[in-house]
């Protein structure tokens, strides 16, 4: 569990509300999410091939909607699930397996730093230069035989960037720089030759007739293992609640490197 002060910081930034929002949207879109969830699970199980099977980790385990937890538990001696928050339902479900371990941590390792930067700005109007923002590795991944970054690369920066926007602290260009720092730091933390990366790479904004209105890139740094990439479309929001009057789809990629 988190220290009380860190837990308070994560709550203020908005991490826990985000977790609840994911489940609420899933319940509204359960039929449309099915293909995406199954393809994610298949990509994870495919990535297991050729790996040692002692210890593996899922980064961004969330509600386990896209994680083949039963199969992984039977394949590996230890399965570690890491996320900023493990819902009680997940804690209860995984307690049935003695080889599944839970770690609760904020995966960028930067939330407390960002919070303190905004706190200083509110008090003194001192703007910490973007060049002084330090990327951190939240956890050492070198001891794992297989690592899965599960649908989080494009999301790692979202809550932090939205929080910084609220403080009107940095320009749009500076926020883009911070976004790239966070994404690159995550990629740099993933060990070579034993990682599967699954992430949204494009956002497709569609009108009510499903004609493409706008396409936006979600990953702003070069991806490794591009020659192994498979991709599919995730019908994320068909009820037009994410963007009023528009549907939202994501192009998702899985890569092994």
Protein backbone atom coordinates (compact mmCIF):
# COMPACT_ATOMS: atom_id res chain seq x y z
CA UNK A 1 0.00 0.00 0.00
CA UNK A 2 0.98 3.60 -0.46
CA UNK A 3 2.17 5.93 2.24
CA UNK A 4 -0.79 8.09 3.21
CA UNK A 5 0.70 11.30 1.79
CA UNK A 6 1.42 9.69 -1.59
CA UNK A 7 -2.06 8.20 -1.69
CA UNK A 8 -3.48 11.69 -1.12
CA UNK A 9 -1.37 13.09 -3.97
CA UNK A 10 -2.55 10.39 -6.40
CA UNK A 11 -6.14 11.04 -5.40
CA UNK A 12 -5.78 14.80 -5.98
CA UNK A 13 -4.21 14.28 -9.39
CA UNK A 14 -7.13 12.05 -10.40
CA UNK A 15 -5.78 8.50 -10.64
CA UNK A 16 -8.54 6.73 -8.72
CA UNK A 17 -11.40 8.38 -10.60
CA UNK A 18 -9.79 7.20 -13.84
CA UNK A 19 -9.89 3.55 -12.72
CA UNK A 20 -13.61 3.78 -11.93
CA UNK A 21 -14.27 5.42 -15.29
CA UNK A 22 -12.69 2.52 -17.17
CA UNK A 23 -15.06 -0.04 -15.63
CA UNK A 24 -18.11 2.17 -16.17
CA UNK A 25 -17.26 2.56 -19.85
CA UNK A 26 -16.61 -1.17 -20.21
CA UNK A 27 -20.07 -1.96 -18.84
CA UNK A 28 -21.62 0.43 -21.39
CA UNK A 29 -19.52 -0.92 -24.28
CA UNK A 30 -19.10 -4.55 -23.30
CA UNK A 31 -20.08 -5.94 -26.73
CA UNK A 32 -17.87 -3.56 -28.69
CA UNK A 33 -14.83 -4.13 -26.46
CA UNK A 34 -14.87 -7.91 -26.89
CA UNK A 35 -12.63 -8.16 -29.97
CA UNK A 36 -10.02 -5.81 -28.50
CA UNK A 37 -9.87 -7.67 -25.18
CA UNK A 38 -9.53 -11.06 -26.85
CA UNK A 39 -6.80 -9.87 -29.23
CA UNK A 40 -4.88 -8.41 -26.29
CA UNK A 41 -5.07 -11.70 -24.42
CA UNK A 42 -3.90 -13.62 -27.50
CA UNK A 43 -0.97 -11.22 -27.98
CA UNK A 44 0.11 -11.81 -24.38
CA UNK A 45 -0.09 -15.59 -24.63
CA UNK A 46 1.71 -15.56 -27.98
CA UNK A 47 4.53 -13.52 -26.45
CA UNK A 48 5.15 -16.21 -23.82
CA UNK A 49 6.65 -18.53 -26.43
CA UNK A 50 10.38 -19.02 -26.00
CA UNK A 51 10.54 -17.29 -22.60
CA UNK A 52 11.68 -18.70 -19.28
CA UNK A 53 8.63 -19.40 -17.14
CA UNK A 54 9.60 -18.57 -13.61
CA UNK A 55 8.47 -14.98 -13.13
CA UNK A 56 6.42 -12.60 -15.30
CA UNK A 57 4.80 -9.20 -14.81
CA UNK A 58 1.82 -7.32 -16.21
CA UNK A 59 2.24 -3.53 -16.16
CA UNK A 60 -1.19 -1.93 -16.10
CA UNK A 61 -3.19 -4.96 -14.96
CA UNK A 62 -6.22 -2.84 -14.02
CA UNK A 63 -9.46 -4.78 -13.87
CA UNK A 64 -7.86 -7.79 -15.65
CA UNK A 65 -10.32 -7.33 -18.53
CA UNK A 66 -7.56 -7.83 -21.11
CA UNK A 67 -5.33 -10.17 -19.10
CA UNK A 68 -5.54 -14.00 -19.50
CA UNK A 69 -4.90 -14.43 -15.81
CA UNK A 70 -5.90 -18.10 -15.48
CA UNK A 71 -3.62 -19.20 -18.30
CA UNK A 72 -0.69 -17.11 -17.06
CA UNK A 73 -1.08 -18.50 -13.55
CA UNK A 74 -0.81 -22.03 -14.92
CA UNK A 75 2.22 -21.18 -17.11
CA UNK A 76 4.43 -19.20 -14.70
CA UNK A 77 5.63 -19.94 -11.20
CA UNK A 78 4.97 -16.32 -10.29
CA UNK A 79 2.70 -13.74 -11.92
CA UNK A 80 3.10 -10.15 -10.74
CA UNK A 81 0.39 -7.57 -11.38
CA UNK A 82 1.38 -3.92 -11.16
CA UNK A 83 -0.91 -0.92 -11.31
CA UNK A 84 -1.61 2.35 -9.53
CA UNK A 85 -4.63 0.74 -7.85
CA UNK A 86 -5.99 -2.79 -7.56
CA UNK A 87 -9.79 -2.79 -7.27
CA UNK A 88 -11.14 -4.90 -4.38
CA UNK A 89 -12.78 -7.23 -6.90
CA UNK A 90 -9.36 -7.95 -8.44
CA UNK A 91 -7.77 -8.47 -5.05
CA UNK A 92 -10.48 -10.98 -4.16
CA UNK A 93 -10.32 -12.77 -7.52
CA UNK A 94 -6.54 -13.19 -7.51
CA UNK A 95 -6.43 -14.35 -3.88
CA UNK A 96 -7.45 -17.79 -5.11
CA UNK A 97 -4.02 -18.21 -6.76
CA UNK A 98 -1.02 -18.45 -4.44
CA UNK A 99 1.41 -17.59 -7.25
CA UNK A 100 -0.17 -14.23 -8.15
CA UNK A 101 1.35 -11.19 -6.45
CA UNK A 102 0.07 -7.61 -6.47
CA UNK A 103 2.15 -4.43 -6.42
CA UNK A 104 0.51 -1.02 -6.18
CA UNK A 105 2.60 1.76 -7.68
CA UNK A 106 2.24 4.70 -10.05
CA UNK A 107 4.01 3.46 -13.15
CA UNK A 108 5.70 6.66 -14.31
CA UNK A 109 7.28 7.24 -10.91
CA UNK A 110 6.72 10.95 -11.56
CA UNK A 111 3.37 11.80 -9.94
CA UNK A 112 4.84 13.15 -6.72
CA UNK A 113 7.37 15.24 -8.66
CA UNK A 114 4.65 16.74 -10.87
CA UNK A 115 2.46 17.47 -7.87
CA UNK A 116 5.32 19.24 -6.09
CA UNK A 117 6.12 21.29 -9.22
CA UNK A 118 2.54 22.58 -9.32
CA UNK A 119 2.52 23.18 -5.58
CA UNK A 120 5.64 25.37 -5.84
CA UNK A 121 4.11 27.25 -8.76
CA UNK A 122 0.88 27.99 -6.90
CA UNK A 123 2.81 29.37 -3.93
CA UNK A 124 5.62 31.29 -5.63
CA UNK A 125 4.80 31.38 -9.38
CA UNK A 126 8.16 29.70 -9.98
CA UNK A 127 8.01 27.55 -13.10
CA UNK A 128 10.30 24.55 -12.92
CA UNK A 129 11.99 24.36 -16.34
CA UNK A 130 10.91 21.35 -18.37
CA UNK A 131 14.60 20.45 -18.72
CA UNK A 132 14.75 19.89 -14.94
CA UNK A 133 11.92 17.36 -14.86
CA UNK A 134 13.49 14.01 -14.07
CA UNK A 135 12.09 10.77 -15.49
CA UNK A 136 12.08 7.88 -13.05
CA UNK A 137 11.65 4.12 -13.26
CA UNK A 138 8.90 3.10 -10.88
CA UNK A 139 10.12 -0.49 -10.71
CA UNK A 140 13.12 -2.58 -11.76
CA UNK A 141 12.00 -5.06 -14.41
CA UNK A 142 15.28 -6.86 -15.04
CA UNK A 143 14.46 -9.86 -12.82
CA UNK A 144 11.36 -10.90 -14.80
CA UNK A 145 11.40 -13.55 -17.53
CA UNK A 146 8.50 -11.93 -19.39
CA UNK A 147 7.18 -8.37 -19.22
CA UNK A 148 3.88 -7.11 -20.64
CA UNK A 149 3.13 -3.42 -20.98
CA UNK A 150 -0.63 -3.74 -21.25
CA UNK A 151 -2.49 -0.89 -22.94
CA UNK A 152 -0.79 1.85 -20.92
CA UNK A 153 1.96 3.52 -22.99
CA UNK A 154 -0.32 6.20 -24.44
CA UNK A 155 -2.16 6.56 -21.12
CA UNK A 156 0.79 7.01 -18.76
CA UNK A 157 1.08 10.70 -19.44
CA UNK A 158 -2.65 11.50 -19.75
CA UNK A 159 -3.57 12.13 -16.12
CA UNK A 160 -0.35 14.00 -15.38
CA UNK A 161 -0.65 16.16 -18.51
CA UNK A 162 -4.32 16.92 -17.78
CA UNK A 163 -3.35 17.93 -14.23
CA UNK A 164 -0.62 20.24 -15.53
CA UNK A 165 -3.09 21.78 -17.99
CA UNK A 166 -5.41 22.64 -15.13
CA UNK A 167 -2.58 24.55 -13.46
CA UNK A 168 -1.84 26.51 -16.68
CA UNK A 169 1.81 25.99 -15.87
CA UNK A 170 3.35 24.99 -19.22
CA UNK A 171 2.77 25.79 -22.88
CA UNK A 172 1.31 23.25 -25.29
CA UNK A 173 4.80 22.64 -26.72
CA UNK A 174 6.26 22.08 -23.25
CA UNK A 175 3.47 19.64 -22.43
CA UNK A 176 4.30 17.70 -25.61
CA UNK A 177 7.91 17.50 -24.44
CA UNK A 178 6.83 16.11 -21.06
CA UNK A 179 4.57 13.62 -22.80
CA UNK A 180 7.49 12.35 -24.91
CA UNK A 181 9.71 12.13 -21.81
CA UNK A 182 7.17 9.94 -20.02
CA UNK A 183 6.59 7.65 -22.99
CA UNK A 184 10.29 7.25 -23.75
CA UNK A 185 11.10 6.57 -20.11
CA UNK A 186 8.56 3.75 -20.06
CA UNK A 187 9.95 2.20 -23.24
CA UNK A 188 13.49 2.45 -21.87
CA UNK A 189 12.42 0.53 -18.76
CA UNK A 190 11.21 -2.49 -20.73
CA UNK A 191 13.84 -5.25 -20.93
CA UNK A 192 14.96 -6.40 -24.36
CA UNK A 193 14.10 -9.81 -25.80
CA UNK A 194 11.39 -10.51 -23.23
CA UNK A 195 8.76 -7.80 -23.64
CA UNK A 196 5.35 -7.59 -25.27
CA UNK A 197 4.09 -4.04 -25.71
CA UNK A 198 0.39 -3.46 -26.37
CA UNK A 199 -0.73 0.13 -26.82
CA UNK A 200 -3.11 2.48 -28.60
CA UNK A 201 -1.21 4.24 -31.37
CA UNK A 202 -3.97 6.31 -33.02
CA UNK A 203 -7.28 7.83 -32.00
CA UNK A 204 -9.98 7.86 -34.66
CA UNK A 205 -12.79 10.35 -34.17
CA UNK A 206 -15.83 9.18 -36.15
CA UNK A 207 -19.15 10.88 -36.88
CA UNK A 208 -22.48 9.18 -36.18
CA UNK A 209 -22.32 7.43 -39.58
CA UNK A 210 -18.81 6.17 -38.73
CA UNK A 211 -17.06 8.37 -41.25
CA UNK A 212 -13.58 9.41 -40.11
CA UNK A 213 -13.59 13.00 -38.91
CA UNK A 214 -10.12 13.19 -37.39
CA UNK A 215 -7.11 10.94 -36.78
CA UNK A 216 -4.67 11.71 -33.97
CA UNK A 217 -1.37 10.02 -33.08
CA UNK A 218 -1.16 8.83 -29.47
CA UNK A 219 2.46 7.66 -29.32
CA UNK A 220 5.02 10.42 -29.80
CA UNK A 221 8.26 8.43 -29.64
CA UNK A 222 9.67 5.67 -31.92
CA UNK A 223 8.37 2.20 -31.10
CA UNK A 224 10.78 -0.75 -30.82
CA UNK A 225 10.05 -4.08 -32.47
CA UNK A 226 8.06 -2.43 -35.23
CA UNK A 227 8.78 -5.34 -37.59
CA UNK A 228 6.71 -7.63 -35.31
CA UNK A 229 3.72 -5.29 -35.09
CA UNK A 230 0.17 -6.55 -35.34
CA UNK A 231 -2.72 -4.09 -35.15
CA UNK A 232 -6.50 -3.97 -34.77
CA UNK A 233 -9.31 -1.47 -34.13
CA UNK A 234 -10.83 -1.00 -30.67
CA UNK A 235 -14.35 0.42 -30.72
CA UNK A 236 -13.76 2.33 -27.51
CA UNK A 237 -16.86 4.55 -27.38
CA UNK A 238 -19.82 4.05 -29.70
CA UNK A 239 -22.36 5.88 -27.53
CA UNK A 240 -20.67 9.25 -28.09
CA UNK A 241 -20.00 10.02 -24.44
CA UNK A 242 -16.23 10.46 -24.73
CA UNK A 243 -16.64 13.17 -27.39
CA UNK A 244 -20.21 14.48 -27.68
CA UNK A 245 -21.68 13.75 -31.13
CA UNK A 246 -18.68 11.60 -32.13
CA UNK A 247 -17.66 7.96 -31.73
CA UNK A 248 -14.12 7.14 -30.65
CA UNK A 249 -12.08 4.23 -31.96
CA UNK A 250 -8.44 3.40 -31.27
CA UNK A 251 -5.91 1.68 -33.49
CA UNK A 252 -4.10 -0.73 -31.19
CA UNK A 253 -0.69 -2.33 -31.80
CA UNK A 254 1.09 -5.27 -30.23
CA UNK A 255 4.86 -5.59 -30.58
CA UNK A 256 7.46 -8.03 -29.28
CA UNK A 257 11.04 -6.94 -28.66
